[in-house]
Amino acid sequence: MSAPEVEPTTLPDNVIGFQERRLGRTVLRTYRRRIDIDDIVPNERQPRLGPKEDDELQRQIEANEGIFEPLLVEPHPDLSDKFRIIDGDRRWTNSLVLVGLGKDQYRQVPVEVTDRTLSDEERLRVWIYIHRQRKEWDAKEKEMVAYRLVDLMGRASAANILGVTVRELDKLVDVFELSERFTNLREPGAAITWARELMGVSKNLLTPSVVDAVVAKVAQKRITNSKDIRKLRTILRDPVAKEHFLSADGDVDSAILRIPAKEEKSEKPELIAGLDAAMDTVRRVPWTSLDELRGNAEVLRSLDDAEALLKSLRKSLSS
C-alpha cells in the first residue's frame, strides 16, 4: 500500500527554503541540512538486495571526511522527527559502521529532505531514476531491481515503473534468479554476467540438465570465462558433443573437439568448379612429363576430344 500523505515539513530555522528537483516524471521539493545518523531510518522496501557493508565505501567516506553525496530522505510517516531513506542506504549503512567503531565525526550526515512522505510508487520511481544515471545500473542492478519490484508490487506495476513490457520484465527476473545459482565467484557481481550469457542460449537448447551442468562446471572452475558459454550454441546442436559436455569429464573445450569438421562447400557452380579442377591438374603436370608425351597419339586424341567438347560448350553457352 502507498504511504499516507502527510503535511509538508516545517523548515528548521537554519534552512533558507525549498528547492525543486526533477527526477524523471517526479518533481520533488527538497531542502538540505545535516542530521544525526540515529534520526535516519532505512527503507524496509528497499529495491537493492544483498549485503550493503562495503570496506571500500567506508574508506571513501573517511577519505572525503564524510559522505560526499547527501542522502535523499523523506519525513517518516510513523516516527516523529525521524527520516526514512529514499536513496543512500549503502552510504548510511557504512557511515553507521564507522560510528559504531567510535568515529563520531561521521555521526552528522548530510541529507536532502523532501517536503512530504512519498507514495510507494513515487519512491521506487525516484530510486530507479537516480540509479539509472549510475554506471552500476547496467552492470548488475537492472535484473535485481526487476526481481525485487515484482516481489513488492507485482508484475504489471513493476513493468510500468521500469518502462518495459511484462515479457521483458520476466526475462530480467529469470536472469536474476539464475544468477543466484552462481556462487563462490571471485567477483560476486559477475554472477549476472554468467546468467546473461547463459540466458542468451536458445531456450530449445537450454534444458534443465544443461543449466545444471554449466552451474556445476563454473563452480568447479571447469569453465572460467563467461564468454565461453556462447560456444554452447554449437555444442548443444551436436548429439556427441552435447553428451560429452554433460558428462562429469566434459567441458566446453573438450566438447568442441567432438564436433566433426564441416567440408567446405564451393560457392562456384559445379561446372566451373570442375573446369577449374581440370585446368589445375594440367598445370601441375611437370614439363619433363609433357616432353615424354610429345607425339603420343592417345594424348593427342584426348586433347582433340577435349577441344571439341569445349568448343561445343562455348557455342551452347554463347547462344
C-alpha atoms as a PDB file:
ATOM      1  CA  MET A   1       0.000   0.000   0.000  1.00  0.00           C
ATOM      2  CA  SER A   2       1.086   3.578  -0.558  1.00  0.00           C
ATOM      3  CA  ALA A   3       2.359   5.564   2.369  1.00  0.00           C
ATOM      4  CA  PRO A   4      -0.203   8.047   3.759  1.00  0.00           C
ATOM      5  CA  GLU A   5       0.131  11.658   2.767  1.00  0.00           C
ATOM      6  CA  VAL A   6       1.492  13.969   5.449  1.00  0.00           C
ATOM      7  CA  GLU A   7       1.550  17.709   5.798  1.00  0.00           C
ATOM      8  CA  PRO A   8       4.584  19.456   4.264  1.00  0.00           C
ATOM      9  CA  THR A   9       7.570  19.568   6.573  1.00  0.00           C
ATOM     10  CA  THR A  10       8.166  22.714   8.619  1.00  0.00           C
ATOM     11  CA  LEU A  11      11.599  24.025   7.776  1.00  0.00           C
ATOM     12  CA  PRO A  12      14.238  24.142  10.530  1.00  0.00           C
ATOM     13  CA  ASP A  13      15.447  27.616  11.500  1.00  0.00           C
ATOM     14  CA  ASN A  14      18.807  27.158   9.752  1.00  0.00           C
ATOM     15  CA  VAL A  15      17.276  26.297   6.364  1.00  0.00           C
ATOM     16  CA  ILE A  16      16.503  29.060   3.863  1.00  0.00           C
ATOM     17  CA  GLY A  17      13.872  27.350   1.708  1.00  0.00           C
ATOM     18  CA  PHE A  18      12.852  24.558  -0.596  1.00  0.00           C
ATOM     19  CA  GLN A  19      14.399  23.823  -3.963  1.00  0.00           C
ATOM     20  CA  GLU A  20      12.726  21.979  -6.816  1.00  0.00           C
ATOM     21  CA  ARG A  21      14.338  18.754  -8.021  1.00  0.00           C
ATOM     22  CA  ARG A  22      13.069  16.959 -11.114  1.00  0.00           C
ATOM     23  CA  LEU A  23      13.754  13.212 -11.232  1.00  0.00           C
ATOM     24  CA  GLY A  24      12.212  11.862 -14.409  1.00  0.00           C
ATOM     25  CA  ARG A  25       8.420  12.147 -14.162  1.00  0.00           C
ATOM     26  CA  THR A  26       8.588  13.037 -10.469  1.00  0.00           C
ATOM     27  CA  VAL A  27       9.202  16.571  -9.233  1.00  0.00           C
ATOM     28  CA  LEU A  28      10.271  16.926  -5.595  1.00  0.00           C
ATOM     29  CA  ARG A  29      10.530  19.943  -3.313  1.00  0.00           C
ATOM     30  CA  THR A  30      13.515  19.448  -1.024  1.00  0.00           C
ATOM     31  CA  TYR A  31      15.809  21.231   1.386  1.00  0.00           C
ATOM     32  CA  ARG A  32      19.276  20.334   2.690  1.00  0.00           C
ATOM     33  CA  ARG A  33      20.575  20.015   6.221  1.00  0.00           C
ATOM     34  CA  ARG A  34      22.708  17.768   8.446  1.00  0.00           C
ATOM     35  CA  ILE A  35      21.083  15.388  10.930  1.00  0.00           C
ATOM     36  CA  ASP A  36      22.203  12.782  13.444  1.00  0.00           C
ATOM     37  CA  ILE A  37      22.657   9.329  11.945  1.00  0.00           C
ATOM     38  CA  ASP A  38      20.304   7.835  14.552  1.00  0.00           C
ATOM     39  CA  ASP A  39      17.472  10.021  13.246  1.00  0.00           C
ATOM     40  CA  ILE A  40      17.621   8.212   9.904  1.00  0.00           C
ATOM     41  CA  VAL A  41      15.661   5.003   9.330  1.00  0.00           C
ATOM     42  CA  PRO A  42      16.338   2.581   6.449  1.00  0.00           C
ATOM     43  CA  ASN A  43      13.618   1.833   3.933  1.00  0.00           C
ATOM     44  CA  GLU A  44      12.129  -1.603   4.572  1.00  0.00           C
ATOM     45  CA  ARG A  45      11.026  -1.725   0.913  1.00  0.00           C
ATOM     46  CA  GLN A  46      14.479  -1.021  -0.477  1.00  0.00           C
ATOM     47  CA  PRO A  47      14.824  -2.198  -4.105  1.00  0.00           C
ATOM     48  CA  ARG A  48      18.506  -3.144  -3.721  1.00  0.00           C
ATOM     49  CA  LEU A  49      19.130  -6.631  -2.373  1.00  0.00           C
ATOM     50  CA  GLY A  50      22.186  -8.204  -0.793  1.00  0.00           C
ATOM     51  CA  PRO A  51      24.801  -7.008   1.735  1.00  0.00           C
ATOM     52  CA  LYS A  52      25.365  -3.263   1.982  1.00  0.00           C
ATOM     53  CA  GLU A  53      28.503  -3.109   4.125  1.00  0.00           C
ATOM     54  CA  ASP A  54      31.469  -2.239   1.913  1.00  0.00           C
ATOM     55  CA  ASP A  55      35.042  -1.724   3.136  1.00  0.00           C
ATOM     56  CA  GLU A  56      35.923   0.334   0.060  1.00  0.00           C
ATOM     57  CA  LEU A  57      32.966   2.682   0.584  1.00  0.00           C
ATOM     58  CA  GLN A  58      33.979   3.131   4.219  1.00  0.00           C
ATOM     59  CA  ARG A  59      37.477   4.131   3.082  1.00  0.00           C
ATOM     60  CA  GLN A  60      35.955   6.632   0.621  1.00  0.00           C
ATOM     61  CA  ILE A  61      33.816   8.165   3.377  1.00  0.00           C
ATOM     62  CA  GLU A  62      36.872   8.557   5.575  1.00  0.00           C
ATOM     63  CA  ALA A  63      38.967   9.979   2.720  1.00  0.00           C
ATOM     64  CA  ASN A  64      36.260  12.587   1.995  1.00  0.00           C
ATOM     65  CA  GLU A  65      35.831  13.283   5.721  1.00  0.00           C
ATOM     66  CA  GLY A  66      32.201  12.266   5.456  1.00  0.00           C
ATOM     67  CA  ILE A  67      29.552  11.416   2.883  1.00  0.00           C
ATOM     68  CA  PHE A  68      30.128  13.404  -0.305  1.00  0.00           C
ATOM     69  CA  GLU A  69      26.636  12.998  -1.812  1.00  0.00           C
ATOM     70  CA  PRO A  70      23.753  13.734   0.614  1.00  0.00           C
ATOM     71  CA  LEU A  71      21.212  11.029   1.326  1.00  0.00           C
ATOM     72  CA  LEU A  72      17.775  11.617  -0.155  1.00  0.00           C
ATOM     73  CA  VAL A  73      15.276  11.154   2.700  1.00  0.00           C
ATOM     74  CA  GLU A  74      11.605  11.776   3.478  1.00  0.00           C
ATOM     75  CA  PRO A  75       9.733  12.523   6.724  1.00  0.00           C
ATOM     76  CA  HIS A  76       8.936   9.185   8.339  1.00  0.00           C
ATOM     77  CA  PRO A  77       5.161   8.603   8.262  1.00  0.00           C
ATOM     78  CA  ASP A  78       5.062   6.885  11.664  1.00  0.00           C
ATOM     79  CA  LEU A  79       8.070   8.118  13.657  1.00  0.00           C
ATOM     80  CA  SER A  80       8.035  11.769  14.658  1.00  0.00           C
ATOM     81  CA  ASP A  81      11.257  13.698  13.932  1.00  0.00           C
ATOM     82  CA  LYS A  82      12.717  10.713  12.059  1.00  0.00           C
ATOM     83  CA  PHE A  83      13.563  10.488   8.364  1.00  0.00           C
ATOM     84  CA  ARG A  84      13.317   7.461   6.064  1.00  0.00           C
ATOM     85  CA  ILE A  85      15.843   6.817   3.307  1.00  0.00           C
ATOM     86  CA  ILE A  86      14.717   7.130  -0.308  1.00  0.00           C
ATOM     87  CA  ASP A  87      18.220   6.802  -1.778  1.00  0.00           C
ATOM     88  CA  GLY A  88      21.521   6.308   0.023  1.00  0.00           C
ATOM     89  CA  ASP A  89      21.038   3.143   2.057  1.00  0.00           C
ATOM     90  CA  ARG A  90      24.624   1.966   1.437  1.00  0.00           C
ATOM     91  CA  ARG A  91      26.113   5.329   2.386  1.00  0.00           C
ATOM     92  CA  TRP A  92      24.063   5.387   5.595  1.00  0.00           C
ATOM     93  CA  THR A  93      24.913   1.761   6.448  1.00  0.00           C
ATOM     94  CA  ASN A  94      28.668   2.253   6.063  1.00  0.00           C
ATOM     95  CA  SER A  95      28.628   5.555   7.949  1.00  0.00           C
ATOM     96  CA  LEU A  96      26.843   3.714  10.756  1.00  0.00           C
ATOM     97  CA  VAL A  97      29.622   1.108  10.756  1.00  0.00           C
ATOM     98  CA  LEU A  98      32.220   3.863  11.188  1.00  0.00           C
ATOM     99  CA  VAL A  99      30.235   5.443  14.035  1.00  0.00           C
ATOM    100  CA  GLY A 100      29.991   2.005  15.643  1.00  0.00           C
ATOM    101  CA  LEU A 101      33.790   1.865  15.576  1.00  0.00           C
ATOM    102  CA  GLY A 102      33.881   5.011  17.707  1.00  0.00           C
ATOM    103  CA  LYS A 103      34.372   7.503  14.839  1.00  0.00           C
ATOM    104  CA  ASP A 104      31.758  10.013  15.926  1.00  0.00           C
ATOM    105  CA  GLN A 105      32.880  12.609  13.388  1.00  0.00           C
ATOM    106  CA  TYR A 106      30.674  10.735  10.898  1.00  0.00           C
ATOM    107  CA  ARG A 107      27.564  10.928  13.071  1.00  0.00           C
ATOM    108  CA  GLN A 108      26.236  14.111  11.428  1.00  0.00           C
ATOM    109  CA  VAL A 109      25.059  13.117   7.958  1.00  0.00           C
ATOM    110  CA  PRO A 110      24.224  15.484   5.065  1.00  0.00           C
ATOM    111  CA  VAL A 111      20.704  14.892   3.758  1.00  0.00           C
ATOM    112  CA  GLU A 112      18.281  16.246   1.188  1.00  0.00           C
ATOM    113  CA  VAL A 113      14.787  16.126   2.697  1.00  0.00           C
ATOM    114  CA  THR A 114      11.540  16.014   0.714  1.00  0.00           C
ATOM    115  CA  ASP A 115       8.670  18.236   1.840  1.00  0.00           C
ATOM    116  CA  ARG A 116       6.389  15.200   2.265  1.00  0.00           C
ATOM    117  CA  THR A 117       6.362  11.416   2.507  1.00  0.00           C
ATOM    118  CA  LEU A 118       6.256   9.866  -0.960  1.00  0.00           C
ATOM    119  CA  SER A 119       3.929   7.115  -2.105  1.00  0.00           C
ATOM    120  CA  ASP A 120       5.483   3.679  -2.644  1.00  0.00           C
ATOM    121  CA  GLU A 121       5.358   4.135  -6.416  1.00  0.00           C
ATOM    122  CA  GLU A 122       6.895   7.623  -6.291  1.00  0.00           C
ATOM    123  CA  ARG A 123       9.682   6.374  -4.023  1.00  0.00           C
ATOM    124  CA  LEU A 124      10.512   3.489  -6.320  1.00  0.00           C
ATOM    125  CA  ARG A 125      10.379   5.653  -9.451  1.00  0.00           C
ATOM    126  CA  VAL A 126      12.749   8.169  -7.861  1.00  0.00           C
ATOM    127  CA  TRP A 127      15.179   5.480  -6.722  1.00  0.00           C
ATOM    128  CA  ILE A 128      15.201   3.823 -10.140  1.00  0.00           C
ATOM    129  CA  TYR A 129      15.676   7.136 -11.956  1.00  0.00           C
ATOM    130  CA  ILE A 130      18.678   8.007  -9.763  1.00  0.00           C
ATOM    131  CA  HIS A 131      20.286   4.604 -10.177  1.00  0.00           C
ATOM    132  CA  ARG A 132      19.790   4.550 -13.925  1.00  0.00           C
ATOM    133  CA  GLN A 133      22.149   7.514 -14.091  1.00  0.00           C
ATOM    134  CA  ARG A 134      24.894   5.473 -12.437  1.00  0.00           C
ATOM    135  CA  LYS A 135      27.252   3.005 -14.111  1.00  0.00           C
ATOM    136  CA  GLU A 136      26.283   0.082 -11.908  1.00  0.00           C
ATOM    137  CA  TRP A 137      22.719   0.033 -13.273  1.00  0.00           C
ATOM    138  CA  ASP A 138      23.734  -1.749 -16.490  1.00  0.00           C
ATOM    139  CA  ALA A 139      26.448  -3.702 -14.717  1.00  0.00           C
ATOM    140  CA  LYS A 140      24.346  -5.522 -12.150  1.00  0.00           C
ATOM    141  CA  GLU A 141      21.290  -3.743 -10.793  1.00  0.00           C
ATOM    142  CA  LYS A 142      18.672  -3.887 -13.552  1.00  0.00           C
ATOM    143  CA  GLU A 143      17.802  -7.564 -13.076  1.00  0.00           C
ATOM    144  CA  MET A 144      17.994  -7.355  -9.296  1.00  0.00           C
ATOM    145  CA  VAL A 145      15.610  -4.391  -9.160  1.00  0.00           C
ATOM    146  CA  ALA A 146      13.180  -6.085 -11.551  1.00  0.00           C
ATOM    147  CA  TYR A 147      13.091  -9.128  -9.289  1.00  0.00           C
ATOM    148  CA  ARG A 148      12.576  -7.004  -6.183  1.00  0.00           C
ATOM    149  CA  LEU A 149       9.844  -4.865  -7.757  1.00  0.00           C
ATOM    150  CA  VAL A 150       7.843  -7.944  -8.755  1.00  0.00           C
ATOM    151  CA  ASP A 151       8.040  -9.069  -5.141  1.00  0.00           C
ATOM    152  CA  LEU A 152       6.964  -5.648  -3.865  1.00  0.00           C
ATOM    153  CA  MET A 153       4.329  -4.627  -6.400  1.00  0.00           C
ATOM    154  CA  GLY A 154       3.537  -7.424  -8.820  1.00  0.00           C
ATOM    155  CA  ARG A 155       4.489  -7.894 -12.487  1.00  0.00           C
ATOM    156  CA  ALA A 156       2.248  -5.277 -14.102  1.00  0.00           C
ATOM    157  CA  SER A 157       3.227  -2.418 -11.761  1.00  0.00           C
ATOM    158  CA  ALA A 158       6.900  -3.437 -11.851  1.00  0.00           C
ATOM    159  CA  ALA A 159       6.934  -3.387 -15.656  1.00  0.00           C
ATOM    160  CA  ASN A 160       5.236   0.027 -15.674  1.00  0.00           C
ATOM    161  CA  ILE A 161       7.746   1.554 -13.250  1.00  0.00           C
ATOM    162  CA  LEU A 162      10.721   0.156 -15.176  1.00  0.00           C
ATOM    163  CA  GLY A 163       9.231   1.195 -18.524  1.00  0.00           C
ATOM    164  CA  VAL A 164       9.454  -2.303 -20.035  1.00  0.00           C
ATOM    165  CA  THR A 165       6.962  -4.891 -21.251  1.00  0.00           C
ATOM    166  CA  VAL A 166       5.886  -7.705 -18.946  1.00  0.00           C
ATOM    167  CA  ARG A 167       7.751 -10.112 -21.238  1.00  0.00           C
ATOM    168  CA  GLU A 168      10.956  -8.095 -20.908  1.00  0.00           C
ATOM    169  CA  LEU A 169      10.415  -7.934 -17.147  1.00  0.00           C
ATOM    170  CA  ASP A 170      10.047 -11.716 -16.943  1.00  0.00           C
ATOM    171  CA  LYS A 171      13.350 -12.140 -18.773  1.00  0.00           C
ATOM    172  CA  LEU A 172      15.108  -9.822 -16.295  1.00  0.00           C
ATOM    173  CA  VAL A 173      13.640 -11.791 -13.398  1.00  0.00           C
ATOM    174  CA  ASP A 174      14.720 -15.104 -14.955  1.00  0.00           C
ATOM    175  CA  VAL A 175      18.283 -13.788 -15.338  1.00  0.00           C
ATOM    176  CA  PHE A 176      18.403 -12.670 -11.705  1.00  0.00           C
ATOM    177  CA  GLU A 177      17.043 -15.969 -10.404  1.00  0.00           C
ATOM    178  CA  LEU A 178      19.609 -17.863 -12.487  1.00  0.00           C
ATOM    179  CA  SER A 179      22.424 -15.571 -11.271  1.00  0.00           C
ATOM    180  CA  GLU A 180      21.655 -16.596  -7.691  1.00  0.00           C
ATOM    181  CA  ARG A 181      22.840 -20.104  -8.575  1.00  0.00           C
ATOM    182  CA  PHE A 182      26.357 -18.916  -9.479  1.00  0.00           C
ATOM    183  CA  THR A 183      28.206 -18.821  -6.156  1.00  0.00           C
ATOM    184  CA  ASN A 184      31.801 -18.654  -4.914  1.00  0.00           C
ATOM    185  CA  LEU A 185      32.843 -16.375  -7.766  1.00  0.00           C
ATOM    186  CA  ARG A 186      35.846 -14.133  -7.323  1.00  0.00           C
ATOM    187  CA  GLU A 187      33.635 -11.144  -8.095  1.00  0.00           C
ATOM    188  CA  PRO A 188      30.045 -11.714  -6.851  1.00  0.00           C
ATOM    189  CA  GLY A 189      28.672  -9.160  -9.293  1.00  0.00           C
ATOM    190  CA  ALA A 190      29.895 -11.394 -12.145  1.00  0.00           C
ATOM    191  CA  ALA A 191      27.038 -13.807 -11.453  1.00  0.00           C
ATOM    192  CA  ILE A 192      24.731 -11.570 -13.500  1.00  0.00           C
ATOM    193  CA  THR A 193      27.161 -11.712 -16.440  1.00  0.00           C
ATOM    194  CA  TRP A 194      27.224 -15.516 -16.321  1.00  0.00           C
ATOM    195  CA  ALA A 195      23.431 -15.635 -16.146  1.00  0.00           C
ATOM    196  CA  ARG A 196      23.016 -13.182 -19.040  1.00  0.00           C
ATOM    197  CA  GLU A 197      25.320 -15.239 -21.266  1.00  0.00           C
ATOM    198  CA  LEU A 198      23.544 -18.480 -20.400  1.00  0.00           C
ATOM    199  CA  MET A 199      20.085 -16.986 -20.970  1.00  0.00           C
ATOM    200  CA  GLY A 200      21.328 -15.898 -24.403  1.00  0.00           C
ATOM    201  CA  VAL A 201      21.367 -19.551 -25.477  1.00  0.00           C
ATOM    202  CA  SER A 202      18.228 -20.675 -27.321  1.00  0.00           C
ATOM    203  CA  LYS A 203      15.501 -21.957 -24.982  1.00  0.00           C
ATOM    204  CA  ASN A 204      15.175 -25.030 -27.182  1.00  0.00           C
ATOM    205  CA  LEU A 205      18.753 -25.961 -26.265  1.00  0.00           C
ATOM    206  CA  LEU A 206      18.799 -24.716 -22.674  1.00  0.00           C
ATOM    207  CA  THR A 207      17.341 -27.714 -20.849  1.00  0.00           C
ATOM    208  CA  PRO A 208      17.487 -28.010 -17.025  1.00  0.00           C
ATOM    209  CA  SER A 209      20.299 -30.573 -17.336  1.00  0.00           C
ATOM    210  CA  VAL A 210      22.366 -28.119 -19.407  1.00  0.00           C
ATOM    211  CA  VAL A 211      21.831 -25.327 -16.859  1.00  0.00           C
ATOM    212  CA  ASP A 212      22.786 -27.677 -14.009  1.00  0.00           C
ATOM    213  CA  ALA A 213      25.941 -28.733 -15.862  1.00  0.00           C
ATOM    214  CA  VAL A 214      27.030 -25.146 -16.537  1.00  0.00           C
ATOM    215  CA  VAL A 215      26.440 -24.059 -12.934  1.00  0.00           C
ATOM    216  CA  ALA A 216      28.401 -27.053 -11.636  1.00  0.00           C
ATOM    217  CA  LYS A 217      31.316 -26.606 -14.040  1.00  0.00           C
ATOM    218  CA  VAL A 218      31.581 -22.884 -13.236  1.00  0.00           C
ATOM    219  CA  ALA A 219      31.668 -23.719  -9.521  1.00  0.00           C
ATOM    220  CA  GLN A 220      34.377 -26.321 -10.220  1.00  0.00           C
ATOM    221  CA  LYS A 221      36.370 -23.736 -12.219  1.00  0.00           C
ATOM    222  CA  ARG A 222      35.989 -26.002 -15.262  1.00  0.00           C
ATOM    223  CA  ILE A 223      34.553 -23.006 -17.133  1.00  0.00           C
ATOM    224  CA  THR A 224      36.302 -19.766 -16.199  1.00  0.00           C
ATOM    225  CA  ASN A 225      35.244 -17.297 -18.898  1.00  0.00           C
ATOM    226  CA  SER A 226      31.577 -16.363 -19.257  1.00  0.00           C
ATOM    227  CA  LYS A 227      32.074 -15.731 -22.988  1.00  0.00           C
ATOM    228  CA  ASP A 228      32.777 -19.455 -23.445  1.00  0.00           C
ATOM    229  CA  ILE A 229      29.075 -20.018 -22.798  1.00  0.00           C
ATOM    230  CA  ARG A 230      28.435 -18.766 -26.349  1.00  0.00           C
ATOM    231  CA  LYS A 231      30.127 -21.905 -27.689  1.00  0.00           C
ATOM    232  CA  LEU A 232      27.261 -23.949 -26.241  1.00  0.00           C
ATOM    233  CA  ARG A 233      25.118 -22.826 -29.177  1.00  0.00           C
ATOM    234  CA  THR A 234      27.296 -25.047 -31.377  1.00  0.00           C
ATOM    235  CA  ILE A 235      27.964 -27.806 -28.847  1.00  0.00           C
ATOM    236  CA  LEU A 236      24.336 -28.423 -27.917  1.00  0.00           C
ATOM    237  CA  ARG A 237      23.305 -28.927 -31.538  1.00  0.00           C
ATOM    238  CA  ASP A 238      25.675 -31.879 -31.903  1.00  0.00           C
ATOM    239  CA  PRO A 239      24.495 -35.035 -30.037  1.00  0.00           C
ATOM    240  CA  VAL A 240      28.002 -36.375 -29.417  1.00  0.00           C
ATOM    241  CA  ALA A 241      29.427 -33.038 -28.257  1.00  0.00           C
ATOM    242  CA  LYS A 242      26.384 -32.403 -26.050  1.00  0.00           C
ATOM    243  CA  GLU A 243      26.602 -35.803 -24.389  1.00  0.00           C
ATOM    244  CA  HIS A 244      30.290 -35.255 -23.661  1.00  0.00           C
ATOM    245  CA  PHE A 245      29.692 -31.767 -22.239  1.00  0.00           C
ATOM    246  CA  LEU A 246      27.009 -33.086 -19.878  1.00  0.00           C
ATOM    247  CA  SER A 247      29.318 -35.855 -18.642  1.00  0.00           C
ATOM    248  CA  ALA A 248      31.395 -35.456 -15.497  1.00  0.00           C
ATOM    249  CA  ASP A 249      34.603 -35.131 -17.525  1.00  0.00           C
ATOM    250  CA  GLY A 250      33.287 -32.775 -20.193  1.00  0.00           C
ATOM    251  CA  ASP A 251      33.891 -29.051 -20.542  1.00  0.00           C
ATOM    252  CA  VAL A 252      33.488 -26.501 -23.334  1.00  0.00           C
ATOM    253  CA  ASP A 253      36.879 -27.008 -24.990  1.00  0.00           C
ATOM    254  CA  SER A 254      36.805 -30.814 -24.931  1.00  0.00           C
ATOM    255  CA  ALA A 255      33.217 -30.839 -26.224  1.00  0.00           C
ATOM    256  CA  ILE A 256      34.135 -28.603 -29.172  1.00  0.00           C
ATOM    257  CA  LEU A 257      36.701 -31.225 -30.247  1.00  0.00           C
ATOM    258  CA  ARG A 258      33.872 -33.777 -30.610  1.00  0.00           C
ATOM    259  CA  ILE A 259      32.223 -31.746 -33.368  1.00  0.00           C
ATOM    260  CA  PRO A 260      33.274 -33.084 -36.823  1.00  0.00           C
ATOM    261  CA  ALA A 261      34.831 -30.570 -39.141  1.00  0.00           C
ATOM    262  CA  LYS A 262      32.484 -29.500 -41.911  1.00  0.00           C
ATOM    263  CA  GLU A 263      33.546 -29.971 -45.512  1.00  0.00           C
ATOM    264  CA  GLU A 264      33.844 -26.635 -47.187  1.00  0.00           C
ATOM    265  CA  LYS A 265      31.349 -26.289 -49.987  1.00  0.00           C
ATOM    266  CA  SER A 266      32.410 -24.426 -53.109  1.00  0.00           C
ATOM    267  CA  GLU A 267      30.328 -21.377 -53.817  1.00  0.00           C
ATOM    268  CA  LYS A 268      31.043 -21.814 -57.559  1.00  0.00           C
ATOM    269  CA  PRO A 269      28.663 -23.691 -59.883  1.00  0.00           C
ATOM    270  CA  GLU A 270      29.607 -27.358 -60.321  1.00  0.00           C
ATOM    271  CA  LEU A 271      30.652 -26.898 -63.975  1.00  0.00           C
ATOM    272  CA  ILE A 272      33.060 -24.032 -63.182  1.00  0.00           C
ATOM    273  CA  ALA A 273      34.489 -25.902 -60.201  1.00  0.00           C
ATOM    274  CA  GLY A 274      35.098 -28.948 -62.473  1.00  0.00           C
ATOM    275  CA  LEU A 275      36.816 -26.875 -65.166  1.00  0.00           C
ATOM    276  CA  ASP A 276      38.983 -25.181 -62.547  1.00  0.00           C
ATOM    277  CA  ALA A 277      39.977 -28.577 -61.177  1.00  0.00           C
ATOM    278  CA  ALA A 278      40.812 -29.889 -64.668  1.00  0.00           C
ATOM    279  CA  MET A 279      42.967 -26.860 -65.504  1.00  0.00           C
ATOM    280  CA  ASP A 280      44.671 -27.124 -62.149  1.00  0.00           C
ATOM    281  CA  THR A 281      45.513 -30.764 -62.904  1.00  0.00           C
ATOM    282  CA  VAL A 282      47.019 -29.810 -66.276  1.00  0.00           C
ATOM    283  CA  ARG A 283      49.081 -27.012 -64.714  1.00  0.00           C
ATOM    284  CA  ARG A 284      50.553 -29.422 -62.176  1.00  0.00           C
ATOM    285  CA  VAL A 285      51.922 -31.809 -64.862  1.00  0.00           C
ATOM    286  CA  PRO A 286      55.745 -31.348 -64.902  1.00  0.00           C
ATOM    287  CA  TRP A 287      57.312 -30.209 -68.150  1.00  0.00           C
ATOM    288  CA  THR A 288      59.522 -33.302 -68.148  1.00  0.00           C
ATOM    289  CA  SER A 289      56.398 -35.454 -68.298  1.00  0.00           C
ATOM    290  CA  LEU A 290      54.986 -33.369 -71.150  1.00  0.00           C
ATOM    291  CA  ASP A 291      58.192 -33.915 -73.132  1.00  0.00           C
ATOM    292  CA  GLU A 292      57.789 -37.665 -72.721  1.00  0.00           C
ATOM    293  CA  LEU A 293      54.195 -37.437 -74.037  1.00  0.00           C
ATOM    294  CA  ARG A 294      55.205 -35.442 -77.134  1.00  0.00           C
ATOM    295  CA  GLY A 295      53.724 -37.117 -80.252  1.00  0.00           C
ATOM    296  CA  ASN A 296      51.703 -39.630 -78.175  1.00  0.00           C
ATOM    297  CA  ALA A 297      48.671 -40.465 -80.372  1.00  0.00           C
ATOM    298  CA  GLU A 298      46.405 -41.314 -77.413  1.00  0.00           C
ATOM    299  CA  VAL A 299      47.133 -37.998 -75.694  1.00  0.00           C
ATOM    300  CA  LEU A 300      46.548 -36.062 -78.907  1.00  0.00           C
ATOM    301  CA  ARG A 301      43.177 -37.782 -79.435  1.00  0.00           C
ATOM    302  CA  SER A 302      42.148 -36.874 -75.862  1.00  0.00           C
ATOM    303  CA  LEU A 303      43.148 -33.250 -76.469  1.00  0.00           C
ATOM    304  CA  ASP A 304      41.122 -33.189 -79.689  1.00  0.00           C
ATOM    305  CA  ASP A 305      38.107 -34.579 -77.857  1.00  0.00           C
ATOM    306  CA  ALA A 306      38.539 -32.022 -75.044  1.00  0.00           C
ATOM    307  CA  GLU A 307      38.921 -29.163 -77.516  1.00  0.00           C
ATOM    308  CA  ALA A 308      35.783 -30.229 -79.417  1.00  0.00           C
ATOM    309  CA  LEU A 309      33.830 -30.555 -76.187  1.00  0.00           C
ATOM    310  CA  LEU A 310      34.919 -27.108 -75.002  1.00  0.00           C
ATOM    311  CA  LYS A 311      34.039 -25.519 -78.368  1.00  0.00           C
ATOM    312  CA  SER A 312      30.607 -27.139 -78.292  1.00  0.00           C
ATOM    313  CA  LEU A 313      30.118 -25.964 -74.694  1.00  0.00           C
ATOM    314  CA  ARG A 314      31.145 -22.393 -75.560  1.00  0.00           C
ATOM    315  CA  LYS A 315      28.736 -22.352 -78.508  1.00  0.00           C
ATOM    316  CA  SER A 316      25.861 -23.591 -76.331  1.00  0.00           C
ATOM    317  CA  LEU A 317      26.515 -21.030 -73.573  1.00  0.00           C
ATOM    318  CA  SER A 318      27.031 -18.130 -76.009  1.00  0.00           C
ATOM    319  CA  SER A 319      23.778 -18.589 -77.980  1.00  0.00           C
END
